[in-house]
Structures are given as structure tokens and as C-alpha cells.
Amino acid sequence: MSKPKVTAIVLAGGKGSRMHSETPKQYLPLLGKPVLFYSLSAFEQSAVDEIILVTAAGEEDYCKKEIVDKYGIKKVAAVVAGGKERYHSVHRGLLKAQGAEYVLIHDGARPLISVSVINASINKVKETGACVVGMPVKDTIQLADESGKITDTPVRKLTWIAQTPQCFLYETAVSSYNKAIASGDTSITDDAMVVRKYAGADVFLLEGGYENIKITTPEDITIAEGFLKKQGV
């Protein structure tokens, strides 16, 4: 029996408006290498079989030459242009990942994902069919209405921060995204939401690490550099 194929879809199409930089956040330098390099390197060293890299339209050649080829990322099977919103980019990545049995969808702006968490994600998705890396929240979360009035306080021990990768059976993910795109659903904020809504699938949480931050604002670069230095990178 052939080994089930595991494909990582790494999203690198963001503009990073909150970084106050003309350079997209995934290309900003982080200890001398672009942010995107670190997540690609982690997947390269992991048990995934291939990587589909989804970039902003027009940046495919740049990414291939200046990151994939320059740093010797051999598992990248394709570099494809993404769409207007994140969910369009995920959908295009999924369509390129045909032949995979499992997919791990990861934001390239999360450079601190570890090889061990990626491999644990693969084991978990094979066990459950759908899982999301995350961490329990440290603070009390308040829900509010548009006026800022608190409407509810979730039980803290049941509240998690969703991170990536978010991992699914390929057929579950692609069929769910096909339905979401066809419906014109613009409420999508993450992949687990799509497969829960359109496939009725149970999605399980897998504890990752608090260092698996998303580069969103300038302070995040400083924080990420601190974590990398602590790791001896």
C-alpha cells in the first residue's frame, strides 16, 4: 500500500498594511533572511511530501528565485498566484494540491512554526481527519457588540487561540472550499470555519506553542527575533 501523500499549502500573498512598510511582511528581513524562509524551511525538514506556495499575483517568479531556489527549498512542487482574499488563495492552493490525501494550510507570516508541531499535526490529522494548531488563552476573553458593550464572557479554560497549520483530509477541504467559493461566502476567517460550516466536520485542537506568532505589526519582528535567538538560530 502506498504512503498517503501529505501536502503543505503555504500562503504568502499578504500585503501587511499594519506593518507600515512598502515591503510585504512575508519578505521583511528576520535575522537576515525573509520571514517566509523560516516556515518553508520548517516544512522542508518535516514529514510533509510537498509544498504548494501561494503568492500574490505577479510575485511567483520572485518567490521561486529569491527564496525557494536561493535557500534550496526542494519540496516546493509549485508556486501559484493567489486571489483577492485569503480564502481565494487557499482555494487555489487546494486545486493545485490534487493527489494529496491530507493538506496542512499554513500562513507564511508565521515563521516560528516548528518541525515537531508540523509532524504532530500530521499524526493528529491522520487520527481525526481535521485539526487546528492552537494554544489556550492566558487572559479572560470578553465578547462585545459594536458599541463596545460586553455581551458575554466565555469560559477561559475552553477558549483557544487558533493558529496554523490547519490540517484536513484533502477531499474534505477542497469540497468545503468549492462550496464556500460558489456561495460567495465572505465571512470566512479561517479554514476550520469552512470545513465545519460546509462539511459538518468535527475539528480538533492540537496544542502548538505560544511562540507561533503571526507577523502583523512592527513589534512582531522584534518578538520573533527574540524567539529565534533563544532557539540559537
Protein backbone atom coordinates (compact mmCIF):
# COMPACT_ATOMS: atom_id res chain seq x y z
CA MET A 1 0.00 0.00 0.00
CA SER A 2 1.38 3.41 -0.97
CA LYS A 3 2.05 6.00 1.71
CA PRO A 4 -0.68 8.69 1.88
CA LYS A 5 0.55 11.95 0.39
CA VAL A 6 0.75 14.96 2.71
CA THR A 7 0.88 18.42 1.13
CA ALA A 8 1.53 21.74 2.84
CA ILE A 9 -0.10 24.84 1.37
CA VAL A 10 1.89 27.88 2.50
CA LEU A 11 0.17 31.23 1.98
CA ALA A 12 2.42 34.17 1.18
CA GLY A 13 0.14 36.69 -0.50
CA GLY A 14 -0.42 39.22 2.26
CA LYS A 15 0.35 42.92 1.89
CA GLY A 16 0.90 43.66 5.57
CA SER A 17 -0.69 47.11 5.72
CA ARG A 18 -0.33 47.16 9.51
CA MET A 19 3.45 46.79 9.15
CA HIS A 20 3.61 50.36 7.73
CA SER A 21 6.08 49.07 5.15
CA GLU A 22 6.06 49.03 1.35
CA THR A 23 7.60 45.55 1.52
CA PRO A 24 5.05 42.76 2.10
CA LYS A 25 5.54 41.30 5.58
CA GLN A 26 6.48 37.84 4.32
CA TYR A 27 9.58 39.31 2.64
CA LEU A 28 10.75 41.51 5.52
CA PRO A 29 14.17 40.58 6.92
CA LEU A 30 14.19 38.47 10.07
CA LEU A 31 17.75 37.93 11.32
CA GLY A 32 18.97 38.45 7.78
CA LYS A 33 16.53 36.14 5.99
CA PRO A 34 12.99 36.80 4.75
CA VAL A 35 10.12 35.94 7.10
CA LEU A 36 8.79 33.42 4.59
CA PHE A 37 12.04 31.44 4.59
CA TYR A 38 11.54 30.16 8.13
CA SER A 39 8.17 28.46 7.65
CA LEU A 40 9.26 26.99 4.31
CA SER A 41 12.41 25.66 5.97
CA ALA A 42 10.37 24.03 8.75
CA PHE A 43 8.11 22.27 6.25
CA GLU A 44 11.17 21.26 4.22
CA GLN A 45 12.58 19.48 7.28
CA SER A 46 9.24 17.95 8.28
CA ALA A 47 7.43 14.80 7.17
CA VAL A 48 5.31 16.57 4.51
CA ASP A 49 5.84 15.28 0.98
CA GLU A 50 5.48 18.53 -0.93
CA ILE A 51 4.79 22.24 -0.55
CA ILE A 52 2.47 24.40 -2.64
CA LEU A 53 3.50 28.05 -2.20
CA VAL A 54 0.74 30.59 -2.89
CA THR A 55 1.94 34.15 -3.51
CA ALA A 56 0.40 37.45 -4.50
CA ALA A 57 -0.24 37.69 -8.24
CA GLY A 58 2.95 38.69 -10.06
CA GLU A 59 5.28 37.55 -7.28
CA GLU A 60 5.61 33.90 -8.32
CA ASP A 61 8.95 34.29 -10.12
CA TYR A 62 10.40 36.44 -7.34
CA CYS A 63 9.48 33.90 -4.68
CA LYS A 64 10.84 31.00 -6.67
CA LYS A 65 14.15 32.68 -7.47
CA GLU A 66 14.83 34.73 -4.34
CA ILE A 67 13.50 32.33 -1.69
CA VAL A 68 12.78 28.80 -2.95
CA ASP A 69 15.84 28.42 -5.19
CA LYS A 70 18.17 30.68 -3.20
CA TYR A 71 17.65 28.75 0.04
CA GLY A 72 17.34 25.30 -1.51
CA ILE A 73 13.73 24.50 -0.58
CA LYS A 74 13.41 21.26 -2.56
CA LYS A 75 9.88 20.23 -1.53
CA VAL A 76 8.18 23.18 -3.25
CA ALA A 77 6.30 21.48 -6.10
CA ALA A 78 4.54 24.61 -7.39
CA VAL A 79 4.40 28.37 -6.87
CA VAL A 80 0.96 29.73 -7.76
CA ALA A 81 -0.74 33.11 -7.69
CA GLY A 82 -3.33 33.62 -5.01
CA GLY A 83 -6.58 35.57 -5.11
CA LYS A 84 -8.07 38.72 -3.69
CA GLU A 85 -8.75 37.34 -0.20
CA ARG A 86 -7.05 34.66 1.87
CA TYR A 87 -9.82 32.14 1.22
CA HIS A 88 -9.42 32.60 -2.55
CA SER A 89 -5.71 31.84 -2.15
CA VAL A 90 -6.41 28.74 -0.08
CA HIS A 91 -8.82 27.52 -2.73
CA ARG A 92 -6.23 27.96 -5.49
CA GLY A 93 -3.66 26.14 -3.41
CA LEU A 94 -6.07 23.27 -2.82
CA LEU A 95 -6.81 22.94 -6.53
CA LYS A 96 -3.06 22.67 -7.17
CA ALA A 97 -2.69 20.01 -4.46
CA GLN A 98 -4.71 17.34 -6.24
CA GLY A 99 -3.41 13.88 -5.39
CA ALA A 100 -2.84 14.71 -1.73
CA GLU A 101 -4.66 12.74 0.92
CA TYR A 102 -4.00 15.28 3.67
CA VAL A 103 -3.34 19.03 3.49
CA LEU A 104 -1.74 21.36 6.03
CA ILE A 105 -2.68 25.01 5.42
CA HIS A 106 -0.19 27.46 6.93
CA ASP A 107 0.26 31.22 6.95
CA GLY A 108 3.74 32.10 5.69
CA ALA A 109 3.74 35.04 8.10
CA ARG A 110 4.07 32.54 10.98
CA PRO A 111 7.83 31.94 10.78
CA LEU A 112 8.19 30.20 14.14
CA ILE A 113 6.25 27.04 13.40
CA SER A 114 8.40 24.10 14.48
CA VAL A 115 9.15 20.84 12.72
CA SER A 116 7.90 18.94 15.77
CA VAL A 117 4.50 20.69 15.71
CA ILE A 118 4.17 20.10 11.96
CA ASN A 119 4.87 16.39 12.43
CA ALA A 120 2.44 16.23 15.37
CA SER A 121 -0.17 17.90 13.14
CA ILE A 122 0.30 15.21 10.50
CA ASN A 123 -0.21 12.48 13.09
CA LYS A 124 -3.28 14.26 14.51
CA VAL A 125 -4.99 14.81 11.16
CA LYS A 126 -4.45 11.18 10.24
CA GLU A 127 -6.13 10.26 13.52
CA THR A 128 -9.03 12.74 13.43
CA GLY A 129 -9.48 13.92 9.83
CA ALA A 130 -9.38 17.60 10.84
CA CYS A 131 -7.27 19.53 13.36
CA VAL A 132 -6.04 23.03 14.09
CA VAL A 133 -2.89 24.04 15.92
CA GLY A 134 -3.63 26.50 18.72
CA MET A 135 -2.99 27.45 22.31
CA PRO A 136 -5.22 28.01 25.35
CA VAL A 137 -5.74 31.72 26.01
CA LYS A 138 -3.95 33.23 29.01
CA ASP A 139 -6.38 36.08 29.58
CA THR A 140 -10.12 36.31 30.06
CA ILE A 141 -11.87 36.95 26.74
CA GLN A 142 -14.82 39.35 26.55
CA LEU A 143 -17.32 39.37 23.68
CA ALA A 144 -18.76 42.76 22.82
CA ASP A 145 -21.32 44.31 20.50
CA GLU A 146 -20.49 47.07 18.02
CA SER A 147 -20.91 49.74 20.70
CA GLY A 148 -18.23 48.11 22.86
CA LYS A 149 -20.67 46.77 25.44
CA ILE A 150 -19.73 43.33 26.81
CA THR A 151 -22.27 40.72 25.77
CA ASP A 152 -20.68 37.50 27.03
CA THR A 153 -17.64 36.09 28.81
CA PRO A 154 -16.61 32.67 27.51
CA VAL A 155 -15.22 30.13 29.98
CA ARG A 156 -11.47 30.74 29.79
CA LYS A 157 -10.41 27.09 30.07
CA LEU A 158 -12.46 26.33 26.95
CA THR A 159 -11.08 29.22 24.89
CA TRP A 160 -8.16 28.80 22.49
CA ILE A 161 -6.19 30.99 20.10
CA ALA A 162 -6.35 29.41 16.64
CA GLN A 163 -3.03 29.28 14.82
CA THR A 164 -1.78 27.41 11.73
CA PRO A 165 -1.24 24.91 10.28
CA GLN A 166 -4.86 23.88 9.98
CA CYS A 167 -5.00 20.31 8.71
CA PHE A 168 -7.63 18.27 6.90
CA LEU A 169 -8.38 15.33 4.70
CA TYR A 170 -7.86 16.78 1.23
CA GLU A 171 -11.30 15.83 -0.06
CA THR A 172 -12.99 17.43 2.95
CA ALA A 173 -11.05 20.66 2.49
CA VAL A 174 -11.43 21.02 -1.27
CA SER A 175 -15.13 20.14 -1.35
CA SER A 176 -15.83 22.58 1.50
CA TYR A 177 -13.92 25.39 -0.20
CA ASN A 178 -15.62 24.67 -3.54
CA LYS A 179 -18.98 25.19 -1.81
CA ALA A 180 -17.83 28.29 0.06
CA ILE A 181 -16.46 29.96 -3.06
CA ALA A 182 -19.54 29.04 -5.11
CA SER A 183 -21.81 30.52 -2.43
CA GLY A 184 -19.91 33.82 -2.37
CA ASP A 185 -19.40 33.49 1.39
CA THR A 186 -17.30 36.44 2.57
CA SER A 187 -17.49 35.66 6.29
CA ILE A 188 -14.60 33.18 6.18
CA THR A 189 -11.81 33.90 8.65
CA ASP A 190 -10.09 30.53 8.88
CA ASP A 191 -10.07 27.07 7.36
CA ALA A 192 -11.67 25.24 10.28
CA MET A 193 -14.68 27.52 9.92
CA VAL A 194 -15.08 26.42 6.29
CA VAL A 195 -14.96 22.67 6.89
CA ARG A 196 -17.23 22.91 9.92
CA LYS A 197 -19.78 25.00 8.02
CA TYR A 198 -19.73 23.25 4.65
CA ALA A 199 -18.80 19.67 5.54
CA GLY A 200 -20.21 19.47 9.05
CA ALA A 201 -16.86 18.06 10.09
CA ASP A 202 -15.61 17.82 13.66
CA VAL A 203 -12.34 19.74 14.04
CA PHE A 204 -9.96 19.07 16.92
CA LEU A 205 -7.38 21.32 18.56
CA LEU A 206 -3.72 20.40 18.87
CA GLU A 207 -1.52 22.33 21.29
CA GLY A 208 1.32 24.06 19.49
CA GLY A 209 3.32 26.88 21.08
CA TYR A 210 2.85 30.49 22.14
CA GLU A 211 5.88 31.41 20.04
CA ASN A 212 3.97 30.50 16.84
CA ILE A 213 3.02 34.15 16.33
CA LYS A 214 1.79 35.80 13.15
CA ILE A 215 3.86 38.73 11.92
CA THR A 216 1.31 41.52 11.75
CA THR A 217 2.81 44.68 13.27
CA PRO A 218 6.42 46.00 13.53
CA GLU A 219 6.70 44.82 17.15
CA ASP A 220 6.19 41.24 16.00
CA ILE A 221 9.51 41.29 14.12
CA THR A 222 11.32 42.15 17.35
CA ILE A 223 9.44 39.43 19.25
CA ALA A 224 10.16 36.83 16.55
CA GLU A 225 13.85 37.73 16.51
CA GLY A 226 13.95 37.21 20.27
CA PHE A 227 12.43 33.74 19.95
CA LEU A 228 14.82 32.81 17.13
CA LYS A 229 17.86 33.97 19.10
CA LYS A 230 16.67 31.94 22.08
CA GLN A 231 16.50 28.91 19.79
CA GLY A 232 20.06 29.59 18.69
CA VAL A 233 19.16 30.40 15.08
